[in-house]
């Protein structure tokens, strides 16, 4: 590979990286309602997820780090 083709390849790679960091948002404001739909949630059972967060907080002895409330005793 000669120097000229290397510089062209480097310039092309740089141009692709710069255009990948555009300031235009990927999600339009009118499309955000679709993303907040419960169908788009990652957890399949929110009640079970809340309980598991509570159990993890009780085991760690922390409070307020997640979505469940309670202390280290596991009573709340």
PDB file of N, CA and C in Angstrom:
ATOM      1  N   UNK A   1       0.853  -1.160   0.000  1.00  0.00           N
ATOM      2  CA  UNK A   1       0.000   0.000   0.000  1.00  0.00           C
ATOM      3  C   UNK A   1       0.906   1.232   0.000  1.00  0.00           C
ATOM      4  N   UNK A   2       0.665   2.084  -0.954  1.00  0.00           N
ATOM      5  CA  UNK A   2       1.504   3.283  -1.011  1.00  0.00           C
ATOM      6  C   UNK A   2       0.950   4.384  -0.097  1.00  0.00           C
ATOM      7  N   UNK A   3       1.692   5.455   0.014  1.00  0.00           N
ATOM      8  CA  UNK A   3       1.378   6.517   0.962  1.00  0.00           C
ATOM      9  C   UNK A   3       0.088   7.248   0.596  1.00  0.00           C
ATOM     10  N   UNK A   4      -0.157   7.465  -0.692  1.00  0.00           N
ATOM     11  CA  UNK A   4      -1.348   8.209  -1.126  1.00  0.00           C
ATOM     12  C   UNK A   4      -2.619   7.425  -0.805  1.00  0.00           C
ATOM     13  N   UNK A   5      -2.624   6.129  -1.088  1.00  0.00           N
ATOM     14  CA  UNK A   5      -3.818   5.334  -0.804  1.00  0.00           C
ATOM     15  C   UNK A   5      -4.040   5.204   0.704  1.00  0.00           C
ATOM     16  N   UNK A   6      -2.960   5.159   1.477  1.00  0.00           N
ATOM     17  CA  UNK A   6      -3.095   5.106   2.927  1.00  0.00           C
ATOM     18  C   UNK A   6      -3.730   6.384   3.462  1.00  0.00           C
ATOM     19  N   UNK A   7      -3.313   7.527   2.931  1.00  0.00           N
ATOM     20  CA  UNK A   7      -3.872   8.808   3.373  1.00  0.00           C
ATOM     21  C   UNK A   7      -5.340   8.901   2.984  1.00  0.00           C
ATOM     22  N   UNK A   8      -5.695   8.415   1.785  1.00  0.00           N
ATOM     23  CA  UNK A   8      -7.104   8.420   1.369  1.00  0.00           C
ATOM     24  C   UNK A   8      -7.940   7.512   2.263  1.00  0.00           C
ATOM     25  N   UNK A   9      -7.428   6.355   2.587  1.00  0.00           N
ATOM     26  CA  UNK A   9      -8.134   5.427   3.458  1.00  0.00           C
ATOM     27  C   UNK A   9      -8.292   6.011   4.856  1.00  0.00           C
ATOM     28  N   UNK A  10      -7.261   6.659   5.342  1.00  0.00           N
ATOM     29  CA  UNK A  10      -7.317   7.301   6.648  1.00  0.00           C
ATOM     30  C   UNK A  10      -8.346   8.444   6.642  1.00  0.00           C
ATOM     31  N   UNK A  11      -8.363   9.219   5.576  1.00  0.00           N
ATOM     32  CA  UNK A  11      -9.336  10.309   5.449  1.00  0.00           C
ATOM     33  C   UNK A  11     -10.763   9.794   5.381  1.00  0.00           C
ATOM     34  N   UNK A  12     -10.970   8.692   4.669  1.00  0.00           N
ATOM     35  CA  UNK A  12     -12.300   8.100   4.583  1.00  0.00           C
ATOM     36  C   UNK A  12     -12.757   7.591   5.953  1.00  0.00           C
ATOM     37  N   UNK A  13     -11.857   6.949   6.662  1.00  0.00           N
ATOM     38  CA  UNK A  13     -12.191   6.477   8.009  1.00  0.00           C
ATOM     39  C   UNK A  13     -12.508   7.618   8.953  1.00  0.00           C
ATOM     40  N   UNK A  14     -11.762   8.697   8.868  1.00  0.00           N
ATOM     41  CA  UNK A  14     -12.015   9.872   9.699  1.00  0.00           C
ATOM     42  C   UNK A  14     -13.354  10.501   9.362  1.00  0.00           C
ATOM     43  N   UNK A  15     -13.673  10.594   8.060  1.00  0.00           N
ATOM     44  CA  UNK A  15     -14.959  11.160   7.645  1.00  0.00           C
ATOM     45  C   UNK A  15     -16.123  10.308   8.142  1.00  0.00           C
ATOM     46  N   UNK A  16     -15.976   8.995   8.119  1.00  0.00           N
ATOM     47  CA  UNK A  16     -17.041   8.123   8.615  1.00  0.00           C
ATOM     48  C   UNK A  16     -17.227   8.270  10.119  1.00  0.00           C
ATOM     49  N   UNK A  17     -16.143   8.448  10.853  1.00  0.00           N
ATOM     50  CA  UNK A  17     -16.253   8.628  12.298  1.00  0.00           C
ATOM     51  C   UNK A  17     -16.906   9.957  12.639  1.00  0.00           C
ATOM     52  N   UNK A  18     -16.573  11.000  11.916  1.00  0.00           N
ATOM     53  CA  UNK A  18     -17.148  12.317  12.196  1.00  0.00           C
ATOM     54  C   UNK A  18     -18.636  12.328  11.897  1.00  0.00           C
ATOM     55  N   UNK A  19     -19.055  11.705  10.794  1.00  0.00           N
ATOM     56  CA  UNK A  19     -20.477  11.709  10.461  1.00  0.00           C
ATOM     57  C   UNK A  19     -21.272  10.805  11.393  1.00  0.00           C
ATOM     58  N   UNK A  20     -20.627   9.858  12.041  1.00  0.00           N
ATOM     59  CA  UNK A  20     -21.319   9.007  13.001  1.00  0.00           C
ATOM     60  C   UNK A  20     -21.659   9.734  14.284  1.00  0.00           C
ATOM     61  N   UNK A  21     -21.021  10.846  14.558  1.00  0.00           N
ATOM     62  CA  UNK A  21     -21.258  11.628  15.774  1.00  0.00           C
ATOM     63  C   UNK A  21     -22.062  12.878  15.465  1.00  0.00           C
ATOM     64  N   UNK A  22     -23.139  12.718  14.724  1.00  0.00           N
ATOM     65  CA  UNK A  22     -23.941  13.882  14.368  1.00  0.00           C
ATOM     66  C   UNK A  22     -24.742  14.355  15.575  1.00  0.00           C
ATOM     67  N   UNK A  23     -25.190  15.596  15.545  1.00  0.00           N
ATOM     68  CA  UNK A  23     -25.933  16.166  16.659  1.00  0.00           C
ATOM     69  C   UNK A  23     -27.429  15.960  16.510  1.00  0.00           C
ATOM     70  N   UNK A  24     -27.885  15.408  15.424  1.00  0.00           N
ATOM     71  CA  UNK A  24     -29.301  15.151  15.222  1.00  0.00           C
ATOM     72  C   UNK A  24     -29.725  13.977  16.107  1.00  0.00           C
ATOM     73  N   UNK A  25     -30.792  14.143  16.902  1.00  0.00           N
ATOM     74  CA  UNK A  25     -31.203  13.031  17.759  1.00  0.00           C
ATOM     75  C   UNK A  25     -31.765  11.872  16.939  1.00  0.00           C
ATOM     76  N   UNK A  26     -31.493  10.666  17.411  1.00  0.00           N
ATOM     77  CA  UNK A  26     -31.983   9.481  16.725  1.00  0.00           C
ATOM     78  C   UNK A  26     -33.475   9.321  16.944  1.00  0.00           C
ATOM     79  N   UNK A  27     -33.941   9.694  18.111  1.00  0.00           N
ATOM     80  CA  UNK A  27     -35.355   9.568  18.444  1.00  0.00           C
ATOM     81  C   UNK A  27     -35.976  10.953  18.399  1.00  0.00           C
ATOM     82  N   UNK A  28     -36.972  11.092  17.579  1.00  0.00           N
ATOM     83  CA  UNK A  28     -37.674  12.371  17.473  1.00  0.00           C
ATOM     84  C   UNK A  28     -38.568  12.558  18.700  1.00  0.00           C
ATOM     85  N   UNK A  29     -38.885  13.806  19.059  1.00  0.00           N
ATOM     86  CA  UNK A  29     -39.725  14.031  20.243  1.00  0.00           C
ATOM     87  C   UNK A  29     -41.085  13.346  20.159  1.00  0.00           C
ATOM     88  N   UNK A  30     -41.657  13.263  18.985  1.00  0.00           N
ATOM     89  CA  UNK A  30     -42.967  12.623  18.857  1.00  0.00           C
ATOM     90  C   UNK A  30     -42.876  11.096  18.876  1.00  0.00           C
ATOM     91  N   UNK A  31     -41.667  10.538  18.813  1.00  0.00           N
ATOM     92  CA  UNK A  31     -41.492   9.086  18.882  1.00  0.00           C
ATOM     93  C   UNK A  31     -41.181   8.604  20.295  1.00  0.00           C
ATOM     94  N   UNK A  32     -40.945   9.509  21.212  1.00  0.00           N
ATOM     95  CA  UNK A  32     -40.564   9.122  22.571  1.00  0.00           C
ATOM     96  C   UNK A  32     -41.700   8.449  23.318  1.00  0.00           C
ATOM     97  N   UNK A  33     -42.930   8.753  22.966  1.00  0.00           N
ATOM     98  CA  UNK A  33     -44.068   8.085  23.602  1.00  0.00           C
ATOM     99  C   UNK A  33     -44.061   6.597  23.280  1.00  0.00           C
ATOM    100  N   UNK A  34     -43.611   6.236  22.100  1.00  0.00           N
ATOM    101  CA  UNK A  34     -43.544   4.823  21.738  1.00  0.00           C
ATOM    102  C   UNK A  34     -42.504   4.088  22.566  1.00  0.00           C
ATOM    103  N   UNK A  35     -41.398   4.754  22.905  1.00  0.00           N
ATOM    104  CA  UNK A  35     -40.348   4.117  23.699  1.00  0.00           C
ATOM    105  C   UNK A  35     -40.727   3.971  25.169  1.00  0.00           C
ATOM    106  N   UNK A  36     -41.623   4.823  25.662  1.00  0.00           N
ATOM    107  CA  UNK A  36     -42.034   4.723  27.061  1.00  0.00           C
ATOM    108  C   UNK A  36     -43.195   3.755  27.249  1.00  0.00           C
ATOM    109  N   UNK A  37     -43.621   3.090  26.191  1.00  0.00           N
ATOM    110  CA  UNK A  37     -44.681   2.091  26.269  1.00  0.00           C
ATOM    111  C   UNK A  37     -44.198   0.906  27.105  1.00  0.00           C
ATOM    112  N   UNK A  38     -45.040   0.339  27.963  1.00  0.00           N
ATOM    113  CA  UNK A  38     -44.610  -0.807  28.782  1.00  0.00           C
ATOM    114  C   UNK A  38     -44.155  -2.010  27.961  1.00  0.00           C
ATOM    115  N   UNK A  39     -44.594  -2.116  26.739  1.00  0.00           N
ATOM    116  CA  UNK A  39     -44.171  -3.225  25.885  1.00  0.00           C
ATOM    117  C   UNK A  39     -42.672  -3.129  25.604  1.00  0.00           C
ATOM    118  N   UNK A  40     -42.115  -1.924  25.612  1.00  0.00           N
ATOM    119  CA  UNK A  40     -40.708  -1.725  25.312  1.00  0.00           C
ATOM    120  C   UNK A  40     -39.813  -1.947  26.532  1.00  0.00           C
ATOM    121  N   UNK A  41     -40.362  -2.331  27.657  1.00  0.00           N
ATOM    122  CA  UNK A  41     -39.587  -2.540  28.877  1.00  0.00           C
ATOM    123  C   UNK A  41     -38.783  -3.827  28.787  1.00  0.00           C
ATOM    124  N   UNK A  42     -37.605  -3.839  29.416  1.00  0.00           N
ATOM    125  CA  UNK A  42     -36.748  -5.010  29.398  1.00  0.00           C
ATOM    126  C   UNK A  42     -37.213  -6.080  30.379  1.00  0.00           C
ATOM    127  N   UNK A  43     -37.800  -5.657  31.501  1.00  0.00           N
ATOM    128  CA  UNK A  43     -38.217  -6.673  32.466  1.00  0.00           C
ATOM    129  C   UNK A  43     -39.616  -7.159  32.120  1.00  0.00           C
ATOM    130  N   UNK A  44     -39.814  -8.461  32.219  1.00  0.00           N
ATOM    131  CA  UNK A  44     -41.074  -9.057  31.824  1.00  0.00           C
ATOM    132  C   UNK A  44     -42.090  -9.030  32.950  1.00  0.00           C
ATOM    133  N   UNK A  45     -41.625  -8.996  34.181  1.00  0.00           N
ATOM    134  CA  UNK A  45     -42.520  -9.000  35.334  1.00  0.00           C
ATOM    135  C   UNK A  45     -42.058  -7.923  36.316  1.00  0.00           C
ATOM    136  N   UNK A  46     -42.666  -6.739  36.269  1.00  0.00           N
ATOM    137  CA  UNK A  46     -42.187  -5.648  37.126  1.00  0.00           C
ATOM    138  C   UNK A  46     -42.367  -5.922  38.615  1.00  0.00           C
ATOM    139  N   UNK A  47     -43.390  -6.683  39.001  1.00  0.00           N
ATOM    140  CA  UNK A  47     -43.594  -6.986  40.419  1.00  0.00           C
ATOM    141  C   UNK A  47     -42.459  -7.875  40.928  1.00  0.00           C
ATOM    142  N   UNK A  48     -42.098  -8.876  40.148  1.00  0.00           N
ATOM    143  CA  UNK A  48     -40.994  -9.762  40.529  1.00  0.00           C
ATOM    144  C   UNK A  48     -39.670  -9.004  40.581  1.00  0.00           C
ATOM    145  N   UNK A  49     -39.468  -8.106  39.634  1.00  0.00           N
ATOM    146  CA  UNK A  49     -38.239  -7.314  39.621  1.00  0.00           C
ATOM    147  C   UNK A  49     -38.148  -6.419  40.852  1.00  0.00           C
ATOM    148  N   UNK A  50     -39.274  -5.815  41.245  1.00  0.00           N
ATOM    149  CA  UNK A  50     -39.295  -4.978  42.441  1.00  0.00           C
ATOM    150  C   UNK A  50     -38.975  -5.803  43.684  1.00  0.00           C
ATOM    151  N   UNK A  51     -39.533  -7.006  43.758  1.00  0.00           N
ATOM    152  CA  UNK A  51     -39.250  -7.877  44.906  1.00  0.00           C
ATOM    153  C   UNK A  51     -37.769  -8.276  44.945  1.00  0.00           C
ATOM    154  N   UNK A  52     -37.206  -8.621  43.804  1.00  0.00           N
ATOM    155  CA  UNK A  52     -35.797  -8.998  43.775  1.00  0.00           C
ATOM    156  C   UNK A  52     -34.892  -7.839  44.170  1.00  0.00           C
ATOM    157  N   UNK A  53     -35.245  -6.623  43.761  1.00  0.00           N
ATOM    158  CA  UNK A  53     -34.462  -5.453  44.185  1.00  0.00           C
ATOM    159  C   UNK A  53     -34.543  -5.289  45.702  1.00  0.00           C
ATOM    160  N   UNK A  54     -35.725  -5.550  46.262  1.00  0.00           N
ATOM    161  CA  UNK A  54     -35.881  -5.452  47.707  1.00  0.00           C
ATOM    162  C   UNK A  54     -35.011  -6.491  48.417  1.00  0.00           C
ATOM    163  N   UNK A  55     -35.000  -7.701  47.894  1.00  0.00           N
ATOM    164  CA  UNK A  55     -34.188  -8.762  48.500  1.00  0.00           C
ATOM    165  C   UNK A  55     -32.706  -8.418  48.429  1.00  0.00           C
ATOM    166  N   UNK A  56     -32.254  -7.914  47.285  1.00  0.00           N
ATOM    167  CA  UNK A  56     -30.844  -7.548  47.150  1.00  0.00           C
ATOM    168  C   UNK A  56     -30.469  -6.415  48.096  1.00  0.00           C
ATOM    169  N   UNK A  57     -31.372  -5.438  48.256  1.00  0.00           N
ATOM    170  CA  UNK A  57     -31.087  -4.341  49.176  1.00  0.00           C
ATOM    171  C   UNK A  57     -31.021  -4.842  50.611  1.00  0.00           C
ATOM    172  N   UNK A  58     -31.890  -5.773  50.977  1.00  0.00           N
ATOM    173  CA  UNK A  58     -31.887  -6.306  52.339  1.00  0.00           C
ATOM    174  C   UNK A  58     -30.611  -7.098  52.594  1.00  0.00           C
ATOM    175  N   UNK A  59     -30.139  -7.827  51.610  1.00  0.00           N
ATOM    176  CA  UNK A  59     -28.913  -8.603  51.790  1.00  0.00           C
ATOM    177  C   UNK A  59     -27.691  -7.701  51.890  1.00  0.00           C
ATOM    178  N   UNK A  60     -27.690  -6.638  51.143  1.00  0.00           N
ATOM    179  CA  UNK A  60     -26.539  -5.741  51.155  1.00  0.00           C
ATOM    180  C   UNK A  60     -26.579  -4.770  52.331  1.00  0.00           C
ATOM    181  N   UNK A  61     -27.743  -4.615  52.925  1.00  0.00           N
ATOM    182  CA  UNK A  61     -27.858  -3.686  54.043  1.00  0.00           C
ATOM    183  C   UNK A  61     -27.905  -2.242  53.597  1.00  0.00           C
ATOM    184  N   UNK A  62     -28.305  -2.004  52.380  1.00  0.00           N
ATOM    185  CA  UNK A  62     -28.378  -0.643  51.856  1.00  0.00           C
ATOM    186  C   UNK A  62     -29.823  -0.213  51.750  1.00  0.00           C
ATOM    187  N   UNK A  63     -29.996   1.059  51.607  1.00  0.00           N
ATOM    188  CA  UNK A  63     -31.349   1.585  51.467  1.00  0.00           C
ATOM    189  C   UNK A  63     -31.337   2.744  50.494  1.00  0.00           C
ATOM    190  N   UNK A  64     -32.323   2.770  49.587  1.00  0.00           N
ATOM    191  CA  UNK A  64     -32.490   3.881  48.679  1.00  0.00           C
ATOM    192  C   UNK A  64     -31.674   3.786  47.409  1.00  0.00           C
ATOM    193  N   UNK A  65     -30.942   2.718  47.212  1.00  0.00           N
ATOM    194  CA  UNK A  65     -30.136   2.612  46.011  1.00  0.00           C
ATOM    195  C   UNK A  65     -30.957   2.145  44.818  1.00  0.00           C
ATOM    196  N   UNK A  66     -32.044   1.470  45.076  1.00  0.00           N
ATOM    197  CA  UNK A  66     -32.865   0.947  43.992  1.00  0.00           C
ATOM    198  C   UNK A  66     -34.267   1.520  44.047  1.00  0.00           C
ATOM    199  N   UNK A  67     -35.223   0.730  43.606  1.00  0.00           N
ATOM    200  CA  UNK A  67     -36.601   1.215  43.569  1.00  0.00           C
ATOM    201  C   UNK A  67     -37.404   0.753  44.774  1.00  0.00           C
ATOM    202  N   UNK A  68     -36.921  -0.234  45.495  1.00  0.00           N
ATOM    203  CA  UNK A  68     -37.641  -0.743  46.669  1.00  0.00           C
ATOM    204  C   UNK A  68     -37.186   0.010  47.921  1.00  0.00           C
ATOM    205  N   UNK A  69     -38.094   0.057  48.914  1.00  0.00           N
ATOM    206  CA  UNK A  69     -37.714   0.712  50.159  1.00  0.00           C
ATOM    207  C   UNK A  69     -37.492  -0.337  51.227  1.00  0.00           C
ATOM    208  N   UNK A  70     -36.729   0.001  52.220  1.00  0.00           N
ATOM    209  CA  UNK A  70     -36.482  -0.921  53.322  1.00  0.00           C
ATOM    210  C   UNK A  70     -35.043  -0.838  53.780  1.00  0.00           C
ATOM    211  N   UNK A  71     -34.782  -1.462  54.899  1.00  0.00           N
ATOM    212  CA  UNK A  71     -33.448  -1.422  55.455  1.00  0.00           C
ATOM    213  C   UNK A  71     -32.758  -2.769  55.361  1.00  0.00           C
ATOM    214  N   UNK A  72     -31.749  -2.944  56.172  1.00  0.00           N
ATOM    215  CA  UNK A  72     -30.957  -4.168  56.132  1.00  0.00           C
ATOM    216  C   UNK A  72     -31.650  -5.365  56.764  1.00  0.00           C
ATOM    217  N   UNK A  73     -32.736  -5.124  57.517  1.00  0.00           N
ATOM    218  CA  UNK A  73     -33.397  -6.235  58.187  1.00  0.00           C
ATOM    219  C   UNK A  73     -34.338  -6.988  57.230  1.00  0.00           C
ATOM    220  N   UNK A  74     -34.750  -6.372  56.151  1.00  0.00           N
ATOM    221  CA  UNK A  74     -35.650  -7.013  55.198  1.00  0.00           C
ATOM    222  C   UNK A  74     -37.098  -6.968  55.622  1.00  0.00           C
ATOM    223  N   UNK A  75     -37.458  -6.062  56.540  1.00  0.00           N
ATOM    224  CA  UNK A  75     -38.820  -6.035  57.080  1.00  0.00           C
ATOM    225  C   UNK A  75     -39.760  -5.095  56.336  1.00  0.00           C
ATOM    226  N   UNK A  76     -39.277  -4.186  55.525  1.00  0.00           N
ATOM    227  CA  UNK A  76     -40.180  -3.272  54.823  1.00  0.00           C
ATOM    228  C   UNK A  76     -40.406  -3.766  53.445  1.00  0.00           C
TER     229      UNK A  76
END
